[in-house]
């Protein structure tokens, strides 16, 4: 099996498991979320976003 096939299958399992549990919640999110803040983080594992936001 190709790596991309495994990636797609894994995403399908994730989607079914998490988004299928409360479809009303995720359906409401599709229409928009009123975001008030944008945080750009670093992928460095030594930086904990919780420390920055207290």
N, C-alpha and C. Protein backbone atom coordinates (compact mmCIF):
# COMPACT_ATOMS: atom_id res chain seq x y z
N UNK A 1 0.84 -1.18 0.00
CA UNK A 1 0.00 0.00 0.00
C UNK A 1 0.89 1.24 0.00
N UNK A 2 0.55 2.17 -0.83
CA UNK A 2 1.33 3.41 -0.92
C UNK A 2 1.12 4.27 0.32
N UNK A 3 2.11 5.08 0.63
CA UNK A 3 2.01 5.96 1.80
C UNK A 3 0.82 6.90 1.71
N UNK A 4 0.54 7.40 0.52
CA UNK A 4 -0.60 8.32 0.39
C UNK A 4 -1.91 7.60 0.66
N UNK A 5 -2.01 6.34 0.25
CA UNK A 5 -3.22 5.57 0.53
C UNK A 5 -3.41 5.39 2.03
N UNK A 6 -2.33 5.11 2.74
CA UNK A 6 -2.41 4.95 4.20
C UNK A 6 -2.81 6.27 4.85
N UNK A 7 -2.28 7.37 4.35
CA UNK A 7 -2.62 8.68 4.89
C UNK A 7 -4.10 8.98 4.69
N UNK A 8 -4.61 8.72 3.51
CA UNK A 8 -6.02 8.97 3.20
C UNK A 8 -6.92 8.08 4.05
N UNK A 9 -6.58 6.81 4.17
CA UNK A 9 -7.38 5.89 4.98
C UNK A 9 -7.37 6.30 6.45
N UNK A 10 -6.23 6.73 6.94
CA UNK A 10 -6.15 7.20 8.33
C UNK A 10 -7.01 8.42 8.56
N UNK A 11 -7.01 9.35 7.60
CA UNK A 11 -7.85 10.54 7.73
C UNK A 11 -9.32 10.17 7.70
N UNK A 12 -9.69 9.22 6.85
CA UNK A 12 -11.09 8.78 6.79
C UNK A 12 -11.52 8.17 8.12
N UNK A 13 -10.65 7.37 8.75
CA UNK A 13 -10.97 6.80 10.07
C UNK A 13 -11.13 7.91 11.11
N UNK A 14 -10.21 8.88 11.10
CA UNK A 14 -10.29 10.01 12.02
C UNK A 14 -11.60 10.76 11.84
N UNK A 15 -11.93 11.05 10.60
CA UNK A 15 -13.15 11.81 10.30
C UNK A 15 -14.39 11.07 10.78
N UNK A 16 -14.43 9.77 10.54
CA UNK A 16 -15.59 8.97 10.95
C UNK A 16 -15.69 8.90 12.47
N UNK A 17 -14.56 8.72 13.14
CA UNK A 17 -14.56 8.56 14.59
C UNK A 17 -14.89 9.87 15.31
N UNK A 18 -14.27 10.97 14.91
CA UNK A 18 -14.43 12.22 15.65
C UNK A 18 -15.56 13.10 15.14
N UNK A 19 -15.68 13.24 13.83
CA UNK A 19 -16.72 14.10 13.29
C UNK A 19 -18.07 13.42 13.29
N UNK A 20 -18.10 12.10 13.31
CA UNK A 20 -19.36 11.37 13.31
C UNK A 20 -20.03 11.36 14.67
N UNK A 21 -19.29 11.66 15.74
CA UNK A 21 -19.85 11.58 17.08
C UNK A 21 -20.87 12.67 17.36
N UNK A 22 -20.61 13.87 16.97
CA UNK A 22 -21.54 14.98 17.20
C UNK A 22 -21.61 15.82 15.94
N UNK A 23 -22.31 15.30 14.97
CA UNK A 23 -22.34 15.95 13.66
C UNK A 23 -23.00 17.33 13.71
N UNK A 24 -23.89 17.58 14.66
CA UNK A 24 -24.52 18.91 14.76
C UNK A 24 -23.50 19.98 15.10
N UNK A 25 -22.59 19.65 16.01
CA UNK A 25 -21.55 20.60 16.40
C UNK A 25 -20.68 20.97 15.20
N UNK A 26 -20.22 19.98 14.48
CA UNK A 26 -19.34 20.24 13.34
C UNK A 26 -20.08 20.86 12.17
N UNK A 27 -21.37 20.56 12.04
CA UNK A 27 -22.15 21.19 10.97
C UNK A 27 -22.26 22.69 11.22
N UNK A 28 -22.41 23.08 12.48
CA UNK A 28 -22.49 24.51 12.78
C UNK A 28 -21.15 25.20 12.55
N UNK A 29 -20.07 24.49 12.72
CA UNK A 29 -18.74 25.07 12.50
C UNK A 29 -18.45 25.30 11.03
N UNK A 30 -19.11 24.54 10.15
CA UNK A 30 -18.88 24.72 8.72
C UNK A 30 -19.32 26.09 8.24
N UNK A 31 -20.32 26.65 8.88
CA UNK A 31 -20.83 27.94 8.43
C UNK A 31 -20.02 29.11 8.94
N UNK A 32 -19.14 28.86 9.88
CA UNK A 32 -18.26 29.92 10.34
C UNK A 32 -18.04 29.92 11.84
N UNK A 33 -16.94 30.46 12.21
CA UNK A 33 -16.59 30.64 13.61
C UNK A 33 -16.10 32.07 13.77
N UNK A 34 -16.65 32.80 14.71
CA UNK A 34 -16.21 34.19 14.90
C UNK A 34 -14.88 34.26 15.66
N UNK A 35 -13.80 34.08 14.95
CA UNK A 35 -12.48 34.11 15.59
C UNK A 35 -12.13 35.52 16.03
N UNK A 36 -11.58 35.62 17.23
CA UNK A 36 -11.17 36.91 17.77
C UNK A 36 -9.65 37.06 17.79
N UNK A 37 -8.95 35.93 17.71
CA UNK A 37 -7.50 35.95 17.84
C UNK A 37 -6.88 34.96 16.87
N UNK A 38 -5.73 35.32 16.33
CA UNK A 38 -4.94 34.42 15.51
C UNK A 38 -3.59 34.27 16.19
N UNK A 39 -3.22 33.03 16.46
CA UNK A 39 -1.92 32.78 17.09
C UNK A 39 -1.08 31.95 16.14
N UNK A 40 0.07 32.45 15.80
CA UNK A 40 1.00 31.72 14.95
C UNK A 40 2.04 31.13 15.88
N UNK A 41 2.16 29.82 15.86
CA UNK A 41 3.08 29.16 16.77
C UNK A 41 4.28 28.59 16.05
N UNK A 42 5.14 28.03 16.83
CA UNK A 42 6.37 27.42 16.35
C UNK A 42 6.24 25.92 16.51
N UNK A 43 6.75 25.18 15.57
CA UNK A 43 6.67 23.72 15.67
C UNK A 43 7.80 23.14 16.52
N UNK A 44 8.61 23.98 17.10
CA UNK A 44 9.69 23.53 17.97
C UNK A 44 9.07 22.95 19.24
N UNK A 45 9.36 21.71 19.54
CA UNK A 45 8.73 21.04 20.68
C UNK A 45 9.15 21.63 22.02
N UNK A 46 10.15 22.46 22.04
CA UNK A 46 10.58 23.08 23.30
C UNK A 46 9.74 24.28 23.68
N UNK A 47 8.88 24.74 22.76
CA UNK A 47 8.05 25.92 23.02
C UNK A 47 6.64 25.45 23.33
N UNK A 48 6.16 25.73 24.53
CA UNK A 48 4.82 25.33 24.95
C UNK A 48 3.88 26.54 24.82
N UNK A 49 2.88 26.48 23.93
CA UNK A 49 1.97 27.62 23.77
C UNK A 49 1.25 28.00 25.06
N UNK A 50 1.03 27.05 25.95
CA UNK A 50 0.36 27.35 27.22
C UNK A 50 1.18 28.33 28.05
N UNK A 51 2.48 28.28 27.95
CA UNK A 51 3.33 29.22 28.69
C UNK A 51 3.17 30.63 28.12
N UNK A 52 3.08 30.73 26.82
CA UNK A 52 2.96 32.04 26.18
C UNK A 52 1.62 32.70 26.47
N UNK A 53 0.57 31.90 26.60
CA UNK A 53 -0.77 32.46 26.80
C UNK A 53 -1.18 32.49 28.25
N UNK A 54 -0.35 31.98 29.13
CA UNK A 54 -0.56 31.96 30.58
C UNK A 54 -1.90 31.34 30.90
